């Protein structure tokens, strides 16, 4: 993108586990705990690595902030680009 004159443009693919809005905190905590346990297993990490993915974990609050940040970032990019749905 820098060759096209756009400095600092970064695009990353990421995945996350989500639950419906309003899911009780205790359920979110349990899902987070069990997900961390699964992602700690060497074979699962290796499977992700073989697919070109790095395993990165965060807290549910940090993940919520990432979603909000990415949504705001891409909304601004779309607005500035003038892109729209037909």
Protein backbone atom coordinates (compact mmCIF):
# COMPACT_ATOMS: atom_id res chain seq x y z
CA UNK A 1 0.00 0.00 0.00
CA UNK A 2 2.92 2.32 0.59
CA UNK A 3 3.83 1.98 -3.09
CA UNK A 4 0.31 3.24 -3.86
CA UNK A 5 0.97 6.27 -1.66
CA UNK A 6 -0.87 5.07 1.44
CA UNK A 7 1.42 5.19 4.45
CA UNK A 8 0.81 3.13 7.58
CA UNK A 9 -2.00 1.03 6.13
CA UNK A 10 -2.22 -2.25 8.05
CA UNK A 11 -4.68 -5.06 7.44
CA UNK A 12 -4.75 -8.12 9.66
CA UNK A 13 -7.05 -11.09 9.72
CA UNK A 14 -8.13 -12.27 13.14
CA UNK A 15 -10.64 -14.62 14.63
CA UNK A 16 -12.34 -14.69 17.97
CA UNK A 17 -14.90 -16.56 19.97
CA UNK A 18 -18.08 -14.63 20.66
CA UNK A 19 -21.26 -15.18 22.62
CA UNK A 20 -24.67 -13.55 22.26
CA UNK A 21 -25.16 -10.11 23.82
CA UNK A 22 -26.38 -10.40 27.38
CA UNK A 23 -24.61 -13.69 28.09
CA UNK A 24 -24.01 -13.76 31.87
CA UNK A 25 -20.49 -12.85 33.00
CA UNK A 26 -20.09 -16.23 34.71
CA UNK A 27 -20.69 -18.00 31.38
CA UNK A 28 -18.25 -15.68 29.58
CA UNK A 29 -15.65 -16.38 32.27
CA UNK A 30 -16.13 -20.14 31.91
CA UNK A 31 -15.92 -20.00 28.11
CA UNK A 32 -12.76 -17.91 28.38
CA UNK A 33 -11.17 -20.30 30.88
CA UNK A 34 -11.94 -23.37 28.76
CA UNK A 35 -10.79 -21.66 25.57
CA UNK A 36 -7.46 -20.73 27.16
CA UNK A 37 -7.05 -24.33 28.31
CA UNK A 38 -7.69 -25.64 24.80
CA UNK A 39 -5.37 -23.08 23.21
CA UNK A 40 -2.60 -24.07 25.63
CA UNK A 41 -2.45 -27.55 24.12
CA UNK A 42 0.67 -27.92 21.95
CA UNK A 43 -1.08 -29.95 19.24
CA UNK A 44 -3.79 -27.34 18.75
CA UNK A 45 -1.21 -24.55 18.63
CA UNK A 46 0.78 -26.54 16.09
CA UNK A 47 -2.34 -27.06 13.96
CA UNK A 48 -2.90 -23.30 13.90
CA UNK A 49 0.77 -22.69 13.09
CA UNK A 50 0.60 -25.09 10.15
CA UNK A 51 -2.28 -23.04 8.81
CA UNK A 52 -0.23 -19.86 9.10
CA UNK A 53 -2.00 -18.57 12.19
CA UNK A 54 -0.47 -17.28 15.39
CA UNK A 55 -2.39 -17.95 18.59
CA UNK A 56 -2.92 -14.78 20.58
CA UNK A 57 -5.21 -14.60 23.58
CA UNK A 58 -6.71 -11.65 25.38
CA UNK A 59 -9.29 -11.09 28.06
CA UNK A 60 -12.96 -10.75 27.11
CA UNK A 61 -12.73 -7.01 27.89
CA UNK A 62 -9.67 -6.57 25.67
CA UNK A 63 -11.38 -8.46 22.86
CA UNK A 64 -14.46 -6.23 23.18
CA UNK A 65 -12.22 -3.17 22.88
CA UNK A 66 -10.50 -4.62 19.80
CA UNK A 67 -13.83 -5.18 18.09
CA UNK A 68 -14.93 -1.61 18.89
CA UNK A 69 -11.60 -0.19 17.74
CA UNK A 70 -11.58 -2.17 14.49
CA UNK A 71 -15.22 -1.26 13.78
CA UNK A 72 -14.48 2.44 14.23
CA UNK A 73 -11.30 2.21 12.17
CA UNK A 74 -12.96 0.47 9.24
CA UNK A 75 -16.02 2.73 9.39
CA UNK A 76 -13.70 5.72 8.94
CA UNK A 77 -11.80 4.04 6.09
CA UNK A 78 -15.06 3.21 4.33
CA UNK A 79 -16.39 6.73 4.87
CA UNK A 80 -13.22 8.31 3.47
CA UNK A 81 -13.14 5.95 0.50
CA UNK A 82 -16.69 6.79 -0.57
CA UNK A 83 -17.48 3.09 -0.92
CA UNK A 84 -21.14 2.15 -0.66
CA UNK A 85 -23.44 -0.78 -1.24
CA UNK A 86 -25.49 -0.80 -4.43
